[in-house]
């Protein structure tokens, strides 16, 4: 895996079934890494993807064009905005 993880140290503890532990240990051995490293790399990558999907807005070209056009159109100021801007 190529994801770079910051080198600062913080602890995460978790409990799991013996079956899940055995499978994770086997997978880590197949990857030639420690259980901690295997779990950290996989959890970090899954978390990064989930956060990226949550933080990214995907629009069709049509929707983006409509959004851009709406942003470029100046709205008429409301009476409240006019009053606010008239204050000193």
PDB file of N, CA and C in Angstrom:
ATOM      1  N   UNK A   1       0.841  -1.176   0.000  1.00  0.00           N
ATOM      2  CA  UNK A   1       0.000   0.000   0.000  1.00  0.00           C
ATOM      3  C   UNK A   1       0.885   1.238   0.000  1.00  0.00           C
ATOM      4  N   UNK A   2       0.442   2.285  -0.668  1.00  0.00           N
ATOM      5  CA  UNK A   2       1.282   3.455  -0.825  1.00  0.00           C
ATOM      6  C   UNK A   2       0.829   4.656  -0.010  1.00  0.00           C
ATOM      7  N   UNK A   3      -0.230   4.524   0.767  1.00  0.00           N
ATOM      8  CA  UNK A   3      -0.725   5.648   1.540  1.00  0.00           C
ATOM      9  C   UNK A   3       0.265   5.986   2.646  1.00  0.00           C
ATOM     10  N   UNK A   4       0.684   7.245   2.695  1.00  0.00           N
ATOM     11  CA  UNK A   4       1.592   7.683   3.751  1.00  0.00           C
ATOM     12  C   UNK A   4       0.779   8.091   4.964  1.00  0.00           C
ATOM     13  N   UNK A   5       1.128   7.541   6.107  1.00  0.00           N
ATOM     14  CA  UNK A   5       0.431   7.842   7.339  1.00  0.00           C
ATOM     15  C   UNK A   5       1.368   8.659   8.217  1.00  0.00           C
ATOM     16  N   UNK A   6       0.869   9.736   8.815  1.00  0.00           N
ATOM     17  CA  UNK A   6       1.724  10.543   9.692  1.00  0.00           C
ATOM     18  C   UNK A   6       2.410   9.671  10.744  1.00  0.00           C
ATOM     19  N   UNK A   7       3.625  10.032  11.125  1.00  0.00           N
ATOM     20  CA  UNK A   7       4.428   9.181  12.008  1.00  0.00           C
ATOM     21  C   UNK A   7       4.197   9.436  13.500  1.00  0.00           C
ATOM     22  N   UNK A   8       3.387  10.410  13.873  1.00  0.00           N
ATOM     23  CA  UNK A   8       3.099  10.623  15.286  1.00  0.00           C
ATOM     24  C   UNK A   8       2.379   9.402  15.834  1.00  0.00           C
ATOM     25  N   UNK A   9       2.500   9.170  17.118  1.00  0.00           N
ATOM     26  CA  UNK A   9       1.966   7.955  17.710  1.00  0.00           C
ATOM     27  C   UNK A   9       0.738   8.255  18.561  1.00  0.00           C
ATOM     28  N   UNK A  10      -0.340   7.541  18.305  1.00  0.00           N
ATOM     29  CA  UNK A  10      -1.554   7.582  19.120  1.00  0.00           C
ATOM     30  C   UNK A  10      -2.121   6.169  19.144  1.00  0.00           C
ATOM     31  N   UNK A  11      -2.739   5.791  20.224  1.00  0.00           N
ATOM     32  CA  UNK A  11      -3.201   4.422  20.390  1.00  0.00           C
ATOM     33  C   UNK A  11      -4.679   4.295  20.045  1.00  0.00           C
ATOM     34  N   UNK A  12      -5.029   3.191  19.375  1.00  0.00           N
ATOM     35  CA  UNK A  12      -6.415   2.794  19.131  1.00  0.00           C
ATOM     36  C   UNK A  12      -6.540   1.357  19.614  1.00  0.00           C
ATOM     37  N   UNK A  13      -7.468   1.093  20.506  1.00  0.00           N
ATOM     38  CA  UNK A  13      -7.703  -0.269  20.995  1.00  0.00           C
ATOM     39  C   UNK A  13      -9.026  -0.764  20.455  1.00  0.00           C
ATOM     40  N   UNK A  14      -9.090  -2.051  20.148  1.00  0.00           N
ATOM     41  CA  UNK A  14     -10.362  -2.621  19.713  1.00  0.00           C
ATOM     42  C   UNK A  14     -10.439  -4.079  20.099  1.00  0.00           C
ATOM     43  N   UNK A  15     -11.641  -4.567  20.160  1.00  0.00           N
ATOM     44  CA  UNK A  15     -11.890  -5.976  20.458  1.00  0.00           C
ATOM     45  C   UNK A  15     -12.521  -6.612  19.230  1.00  0.00           C
ATOM     46  N   UNK A  16     -12.234  -7.893  19.039  1.00  0.00           N
ATOM     47  CA  UNK A  16     -12.788  -8.604  17.900  1.00  0.00           C
ATOM     48  C   UNK A  16     -12.948 -10.076  18.254  1.00  0.00           C
ATOM     49  N   UNK A  17     -13.571 -10.794  17.377  1.00  0.00           N
ATOM     50  CA  UNK A  17     -13.739 -12.231  17.596  1.00  0.00           C
ATOM     51  C   UNK A  17     -12.424 -12.950  17.290  1.00  0.00           C
ATOM     52  N   UNK A  18     -12.256 -14.143  17.846  1.00  0.00           N
ATOM     53  CA  UNK A  18     -11.055 -14.913  17.531  1.00  0.00           C
ATOM     54  C   UNK A  18     -10.932 -15.213  16.026  1.00  0.00           C
ATOM     55  N   UNK A  19     -12.067 -15.420  15.385  1.00  0.00           N
ATOM     56  CA  UNK A  19     -12.043 -15.707  13.945  1.00  0.00           C
ATOM     57  C   UNK A  19     -11.541 -14.512  13.148  1.00  0.00           C
ATOM     58  N   UNK A  20     -12.036 -13.320  13.490  1.00  0.00           N
ATOM     59  CA  UNK A  20     -11.601 -12.109  12.786  1.00  0.00           C
ATOM     60  C   UNK A  20     -10.123 -11.848  13.048  1.00  0.00           C
ATOM     61  N   UNK A  21      -9.692 -12.069  14.283  1.00  0.00           N
ATOM     62  CA  UNK A  21      -8.283 -11.875  14.619  1.00  0.00           C
ATOM     63  C   UNK A  21      -7.401 -12.819  13.807  1.00  0.00           C
ATOM     64  N   UNK A  22      -7.790 -14.063  13.719  1.00  0.00           N
ATOM     65  CA  UNK A  22      -7.003 -15.045  12.972  1.00  0.00           C
ATOM     66  C   UNK A  22      -6.926 -14.666  11.489  1.00  0.00           C
ATOM     67  N   UNK A  23      -8.028 -14.224  10.944  1.00  0.00           N
ATOM     68  CA  UNK A  23      -8.042 -13.836   9.532  1.00  0.00           C
ATOM     69  C   UNK A  23      -7.159 -12.617   9.293  1.00  0.00           C
ATOM     70  N   UNK A  24      -7.235 -11.644  10.180  1.00  0.00           N
ATOM     71  CA  UNK A  24      -6.402 -10.439  10.052  1.00  0.00           C
ATOM     72  C   UNK A  24      -4.925 -10.800  10.183  1.00  0.00           C
ATOM     73  N   UNK A  25      -4.612 -11.667  11.133  1.00  0.00           N
ATOM     74  CA  UNK A  25      -3.222 -12.099  11.279  1.00  0.00           C
ATOM     75  C   UNK A  25      -2.730 -12.808  10.026  1.00  0.00           C
ATOM     76  N   UNK A  26      -3.566 -13.647   9.446  1.00  0.00           N
ATOM     77  CA  UNK A  26      -3.186 -14.346   8.213  1.00  0.00           C
ATOM     78  C   UNK A  26      -2.969 -13.361   7.066  1.00  0.00           C
ATOM     79  N   UNK A  27      -3.878 -12.408   6.934  1.00  0.00           N
ATOM     80  CA  UNK A  27      -3.746 -11.403   5.868  1.00  0.00           C
ATOM     81  C   UNK A  27      -2.481 -10.578   6.053  1.00  0.00           C
ATOM     82  N   UNK A  28      -2.181 -10.190   7.288  1.00  0.00           N
ATOM     83  CA  UNK A  28      -0.968  -9.424   7.555  1.00  0.00           C
ATOM     84  C   UNK A  28       0.267 -10.238   7.191  1.00  0.00           C
ATOM     85  N   UNK A  29       0.260 -11.513   7.532  1.00  0.00           N
ATOM     86  CA  UNK A  29       1.399 -12.378   7.191  1.00  0.00           C
ATOM     87  C   UNK A  29       1.553 -12.499   5.682  1.00  0.00           C
ATOM     88  N   UNK A  30       0.449 -12.629   4.976  1.00  0.00           N
ATOM     89  CA  UNK A  30       0.507 -12.713   3.509  1.00  0.00           C
ATOM     90  C   UNK A  30       1.070 -11.441   2.891  1.00  0.00           C
ATOM     91  N   UNK A  31       0.812 -10.310   3.549  1.00  0.00           N
ATOM     92  CA  UNK A  31       1.333  -9.024   3.065  1.00  0.00           C
ATOM     93  C   UNK A  31       2.765  -8.792   3.542  1.00  0.00           C
ATOM     94  N   UNK A  32       3.251  -9.637   4.440  1.00  0.00           N
ATOM     95  CA  UNK A  32       4.601  -9.476   4.961  1.00  0.00           C
ATOM     96  C   UNK A  32       4.729  -8.290   5.900  1.00  0.00           C
ATOM     97  N   UNK A  33       3.688  -8.034   6.672  1.00  0.00           N
ATOM     98  CA  UNK A  33       3.696  -6.887   7.576  1.00  0.00           C
ATOM     99  C   UNK A  33       3.136  -7.289   8.929  1.00  0.00           C
ATOM    100  N   UNK A  34       3.175  -6.394   9.878  1.00  0.00           N
ATOM    101  CA  UNK A  34       2.608  -6.669  11.197  1.00  0.00           C
ATOM    102  C   UNK A  34       1.098  -6.485  11.159  1.00  0.00           C
ATOM    103  N   UNK A  35       0.442  -7.046  12.154  1.00  0.00           N
ATOM    104  CA  UNK A  35      -1.010  -6.870  12.268  1.00  0.00           C
ATOM    105  C   UNK A  35      -1.333  -5.389  12.427  1.00  0.00           C
ATOM    106  N   UNK A  36      -0.581  -4.697  13.287  1.00  0.00           N
ATOM    107  CA  UNK A  36      -0.835  -3.266  13.501  1.00  0.00           C
ATOM    108  C   UNK A  36      -0.697  -2.476  12.211  1.00  0.00           C
ATOM    109  N   UNK A  37       0.380  -2.736  11.479  1.00  0.00           N
ATOM    110  CA  UNK A  37       0.602  -2.015  10.233  1.00  0.00           C
ATOM    111  C   UNK A  37      -0.486  -2.338   9.211  1.00  0.00           C
ATOM    112  N   UNK A  38      -0.847  -3.614   9.116  1.00  0.00           N
ATOM    113  CA  UNK A  38      -1.896  -4.039   8.186  1.00  0.00           C
ATOM    114  C   UNK A  38      -3.215  -3.340   8.509  1.00  0.00           C
ATOM    115  N   UNK A  39      -3.587  -3.359   9.788  1.00  0.00           N
ATOM    116  CA  UNK A  39      -4.855  -2.745  10.183  1.00  0.00           C
ATOM    117  C   UNK A  39      -4.825  -1.241  10.001  1.00  0.00           C
ATOM    118  N   UNK A  40      -3.718  -0.609  10.354  1.00  0.00           N
ATOM    119  CA  UNK A  40      -3.620   0.833  10.218  1.00  0.00           C
ATOM    120  C   UNK A  40      -3.709   1.255   8.759  1.00  0.00           C
ATOM    121  N   UNK A  41      -2.971   0.594   7.894  1.00  0.00           N
ATOM    122  CA  UNK A  41      -2.999   0.950   6.466  1.00  0.00           C
ATOM    123  C   UNK A  41      -4.399   0.802   5.892  1.00  0.00           C
ATOM    124  N   UNK A  42      -5.051  -0.314   6.192  1.00  0.00           N
ATOM    125  CA  UNK A  42      -6.383  -0.559   5.629  1.00  0.00           C
ATOM    126  C   UNK A  42      -7.447   0.345   6.230  1.00  0.00           C
ATOM    127  N   UNK A  43      -7.397   0.570   7.535  1.00  0.00           N
ATOM    128  CA  UNK A  43      -8.370   1.460   8.175  1.00  0.00           C
ATOM    129  C   UNK A  43      -8.163   2.894   7.712  1.00  0.00           C
ATOM    130  N   UNK A  44      -6.909   3.318   7.605  1.00  0.00           N
ATOM    131  CA  UNK A  44      -6.599   4.684   7.171  1.00  0.00           C
ATOM    132  C   UNK A  44      -7.093   4.922   5.742  1.00  0.00           C
ATOM    133  N   UNK A  45      -6.842   3.978   4.854  1.00  0.00           N
ATOM    134  CA  UNK A  45      -7.271   4.137   3.461  1.00  0.00           C
ATOM    135  C   UNK A  45      -8.796   4.143   3.355  1.00  0.00           C
ATOM    136  N   UNK A  46      -9.464   3.264   4.100  1.00  0.00           N
ATOM    137  CA  UNK A  46     -10.929   3.238   4.081  1.00  0.00           C
ATOM    138  C   UNK A  46     -11.494   4.546   4.627  1.00  0.00           C
ATOM    139  N   UNK A  47     -10.906   5.061   5.688  1.00  0.00           N
ATOM    140  CA  UNK A  47     -11.361   6.326   6.273  1.00  0.00           C
ATOM    141  C   UNK A  47     -11.124   7.486   5.314  1.00  0.00           C
ATOM    142  N   UNK A  48      -9.960   7.512   4.673  1.00  0.00           N
ATOM    143  CA  UNK A  48      -9.645   8.582   3.723  1.00  0.00           C
ATOM    144  C   UNK A  48     -10.638   8.589   2.567  1.00  0.00           C
ATOM    145  N   UNK A  49     -10.954   7.416   2.035  1.00  0.00           N
ATOM    146  CA  UNK A  49     -11.913   7.329   0.923  1.00  0.00           C
ATOM    147  C   UNK A  49     -13.298   7.790   1.356  1.00  0.00           C
ATOM    148  N   UNK A  50     -13.728   7.366   2.537  1.00  0.00           N
ATOM    149  CA  UNK A  50     -15.053   7.737   3.022  1.00  0.00           C
ATOM    150  C   UNK A  50     -15.166   9.243   3.232  1.00  0.00           C
ATOM    151  N   UNK A  51     -14.155   9.829   3.848  1.00  0.00           N
ATOM    152  CA  UNK A  51     -14.167  11.274   4.081  1.00  0.00           C
ATOM    153  C   UNK A  51     -14.119  12.017   2.750  1.00  0.00           C
ATOM    154  N   UNK A  52     -13.305  11.551   1.818  1.00  0.00           N
ATOM    155  CA  UNK A  52     -13.225  12.196   0.505  1.00  0.00           C
ATOM    156  C   UNK A  52     -14.565  12.147  -0.217  1.00  0.00           C
ATOM    157  N   UNK A  53     -15.233  10.985  -0.167  1.00  0.00           N
ATOM    158  CA  UNK A  53     -16.548  10.860  -0.805  1.00  0.00           C
ATOM    159  C   UNK A  53     -17.559  11.795  -0.151  1.00  0.00           C
ATOM    160  N   UNK A  54     -17.476  11.943   1.170  1.00  0.00           N
ATOM    161  CA  UNK A  54     -18.398  12.815   1.882  1.00  0.00           C
ATOM    162  C   UNK A  54     -18.128  14.287   1.590  1.00  0.00           C
ATOM    163  N   UNK A  55     -16.860  14.642   1.420  1.00  0.00           N
ATOM    164  CA  UNK A  55     -16.472  16.041   1.244  1.00  0.00           C
ATOM    165  C   UNK A  55     -16.461  16.503  -0.203  1.00  0.00           C
ATOM    166  N   UNK A  56     -16.677  15.600  -1.144  1.00  0.00           N
ATOM    167  CA  UNK A  56     -16.621  15.940  -2.557  1.00  0.00           C
ATOM    168  C   UNK A  56     -18.025  15.969  -3.142  1.00  0.00           C
ATOM    169  N   UNK A  57     -18.311  17.031  -3.860  1.00  0.00           N
ATOM    170  CA  UNK A  57     -19.599  17.179  -4.509  1.00  0.00           C
ATOM    171  C   UNK A  57     -19.428  16.888  -6.001  1.00  0.00           C
ATOM    172  N   UNK A  58     -20.176  15.933  -6.516  1.00  0.00           N
ATOM    173  CA  UNK A  58     -20.094  15.588  -7.926  1.00  0.00           C
ATOM    174  C   UNK A  58     -21.325  16.132  -8.645  1.00  0.00           C
ATOM    175  N   UNK A  59     -21.084  16.882  -9.706  1.00  0.00           N
ATOM    176  CA  UNK A  59     -22.171  17.443 -10.500  1.00  0.00           C
ATOM    177  C   UNK A  59     -21.999  17.042 -11.956  1.00  0.00           C
ATOM    178  N   UNK A  60     -23.126  16.878 -12.634  1.00  0.00           N
ATOM    179  CA  UNK A  60     -23.052  16.690 -14.076  1.00  0.00           C
ATOM    180  C   UNK A  60     -22.610  18.016 -14.691  1.00  0.00           C
ATOM    181  N   UNK A  61     -22.204  17.991 -15.943  1.00  0.00           N
ATOM    182  CA  UNK A  61     -21.799  19.236 -16.596  1.00  0.00           C
ATOM    183  C   UNK A  61     -22.965  20.215 -16.648  1.00  0.00           C
ATOM    184  N   UNK A  62     -24.146  19.700 -16.876  1.00  0.00           N
ATOM    185  CA  UNK A  62     -25.328  20.571 -16.929  1.00  0.00           C
ATOM    186  C   UNK A  62     -25.581  21.217 -15.571  1.00  0.00           C
ATOM    187  N   UNK A  63     -25.538  20.413 -14.509  1.00  0.00           N
ATOM    188  CA  UNK A  63     -25.771  20.953 -13.172  1.00  0.00           C
ATOM    189  C   UNK A  63     -24.693  21.962 -12.803  1.00  0.00           C
ATOM    190  N   UNK A  64     -23.441  21.687 -13.187  1.00  0.00           N
ATOM    191  CA  UNK A  64     -22.372  22.627 -12.892  1.00  0.00           C
ATOM    192  C   UNK A  64     -22.578  23.935 -13.643  1.00  0.00           C
ATOM    193  N   UNK A  65     -23.004  23.850 -14.912  1.00  0.00           N
ATOM    194  CA  UNK A  65     -23.256  25.061 -15.698  1.00  0.00           C
ATOM    195  C   UNK A  65     -24.378  25.881 -15.067  1.00  0.00           C
ATOM    196  N   UNK A  66     -25.435  25.206 -14.609  1.00  0.00           N
ATOM    197  CA  UNK A  66     -26.541  25.903 -13.958  1.00  0.00           C
ATOM    198  C   UNK A  66     -26.080  26.542 -12.641  1.00  0.00           C
ATOM    199  N   UNK A  67     -25.276  25.829 -11.885  1.00  0.00           N
ATOM    200  CA  UNK A  67     -24.745  26.356 -10.625  1.00  0.00           C
ATOM    201  C   UNK A  67     -23.868  27.576 -10.890  1.00  0.00           C
ATOM    202  N   UNK A  68     -22.986  27.473 -11.877  1.00  0.00           N
ATOM    203  CA  UNK A  68     -22.095  28.591 -12.215  1.00  0.00           C
ATOM    204  C   UNK A  68     -22.894  29.809 -12.655  1.00  0.00           C
ATOM    205  N   UNK A  69     -23.903  29.591 -13.489  1.00  0.00           N
ATOM    206  CA  UNK A  69     -24.725  30.702 -13.963  1.00  0.00           C
ATOM    207  C   UNK A  69     -25.452  31.364 -12.793  1.00  0.00           C
ATOM    208  N   UNK A  70     -25.961  30.560 -11.865  1.00  0.00           N
ATOM    209  CA  UNK A  70     -26.665  31.122 -10.707  1.00  0.00           C
ATOM    210  C   UNK A  70     -25.708  31.936  -9.836  1.00  0.00           C
ATOM    211  N   UNK A  71     -24.473  31.474  -9.712  1.00  0.00           N
ATOM    212  CA  UNK A  71     -23.486  32.212  -8.901  1.00  0.00           C
ATOM    213  C   UNK A  71     -23.095  33.531  -9.553  1.00  0.00           C
ATOM    214  N   UNK A  72     -23.121  33.571 -10.853  1.00  0.00           N
ATOM    215  CA  UNK A  72     -22.706  34.779 -11.571  1.00  0.00           C
ATOM    216  C   UNK A  72     -23.795  35.838 -11.635  1.00  0.00           C
ATOM    217  N   UNK A  73     -25.035  35.462 -11.380  1.00  0.00           N
ATOM    218  CA  UNK A  73     -26.138  36.418 -11.416  1.00  0.00           C
ATOM    219  C   UNK A  73     -26.249  37.107 -10.059  1.00  0.00           C
ATOM    220  N   UNK A  74     -26.086  38.406 -10.075  1.00  0.00           N
ATOM    221  CA  UNK A  74     -26.210  39.165  -8.830  1.00  0.00           C
ATOM    222  C   UNK A  74     -27.683  39.260  -8.440  1.00  0.00           C
ATOM    223  N   UNK A  75     -27.957  38.959  -7.195  1.00  0.00           N
ATOM    224  CA  UNK A  75     -29.331  39.070  -6.707  1.00  0.00           C
ATOM    225  C   UNK A  75     -29.636  40.525  -6.395  1.00  0.00           C
ATOM    226  N   UNK A  76     -30.887  40.896  -6.537  1.00  0.00           N
ATOM    227  CA  UNK A  76     -31.313  42.245  -6.185  1.00  0.00           C
ATOM    228  C   UNK A  76     -31.230  42.388  -4.674  1.00  0.00           C
ATOM    229  N   UNK A  77     -30.672  43.497  -4.193  1.00  0.00           N
ATOM    230  CA  UNK A  77     -30.585  43.674  -2.743  1.00  0.00           C
ATOM    231  C   UNK A  77     -31.968  43.831  -2.120  1.00  0.00           C
ATOM    232  N   UNK A  78     -32.131  43.238  -0.971  1.00  0.00           N
ATOM    233  CA  UNK A  78     -33.392  43.332  -0.236  1.00  0.00           C
ATOM    234  C   UNK A  78     -33.412  44.648   0.532  1.00  0.00           C
ATOM    235  N   UNK A  79     -34.596  45.077   0.980  1.00  0.00           N
ATOM    236  CA  UNK A  79     -34.654  46.300   1.800  1.00  0.00           C
ATOM    237  C   UNK A  79     -33.772  46.196   3.049  1.00  0.00           C
ATOM    238  N   UNK A  80     -33.717  45.031   3.677  1.00  0.00           N
ATOM    239  CA  UNK A  80     -32.883  44.862   4.866  1.00  0.00           C
ATOM    240  C   UNK A  80     -31.404  45.035   4.519  1.00  0.00           C
ATOM    241  N   UNK A  81     -30.987  44.522   3.378  1.00  0.00           N
ATOM    242  CA  UNK A  81     -29.598  44.686   2.968  1.00  0.00           C
ATOM    243  C   UNK A  81     -29.294  46.146   2.656  1.00  0.00           C
ATOM    244  N   UNK A  82     -30.229  46.813   1.997  1.00  0.00           N
ATOM    245  CA  UNK A  82     -30.035  48.249   1.704  1.00  0.00           C
ATOM    246  C   UNK A  82     -29.891  49.043   2.999  1.00  0.00           C
ATOM    247  N   UNK A  83     -30.734  48.732   3.979  1.00  0.00           N
ATOM    248  CA  UNK A  83     -30.674  49.442   5.265  1.00  0.00           C
ATOM    249  C   UNK A  83     -29.355  49.162   5.958  1.00  0.00           C
ATOM    250  N   UNK A  84     -28.910  47.930   5.922  1.00  0.00           N
ATOM    251  CA  UNK A  84     -27.641  47.575   6.552  1.00  0.00           C
ATOM    252  C   UNK A  84     -26.483  48.303   5.888  1.00  0.00           C
ATOM    253  N   UNK A  85     -26.480  48.347   4.574  1.00  0.00           N
ATOM    254  CA  UNK A  85     -25.392  49.000   3.856  1.00  0.00           C
ATOM    255  C   UNK A  85     -25.416  50.526   4.014  1.00  0.00           C
ATOM    256  N   UNK A  86     -26.572  51.075   4.368  1.00  0.00           N
ATOM    257  CA  UNK A  86     -26.692  52.523   4.549  1.00  0.00           C
ATOM    258  C   UNK A  86     -26.167  52.963   5.929  1.00  0.00           C
ATOM    259  N   UNK A  87     -25.980  52.027   6.844  1.00  0.00           N
ATOM    260  CA  UNK A  87     -25.465  52.365   8.177  1.00  0.00           C
ATOM    261  C   UNK A  87     -24.025  52.864   8.103  1.00  0.00           C
ATOM    262  N   UNK A  88     -23.686  53.682   9.049  1.00  0.00           N
ATOM    263  CA  UNK A  88     -22.294  54.172   9.128  1.00  0.00           C
ATOM    264  C   UNK A  88     -21.592  53.509  10.261  1.00  0.00           C
TER     265      UNK A  88
END
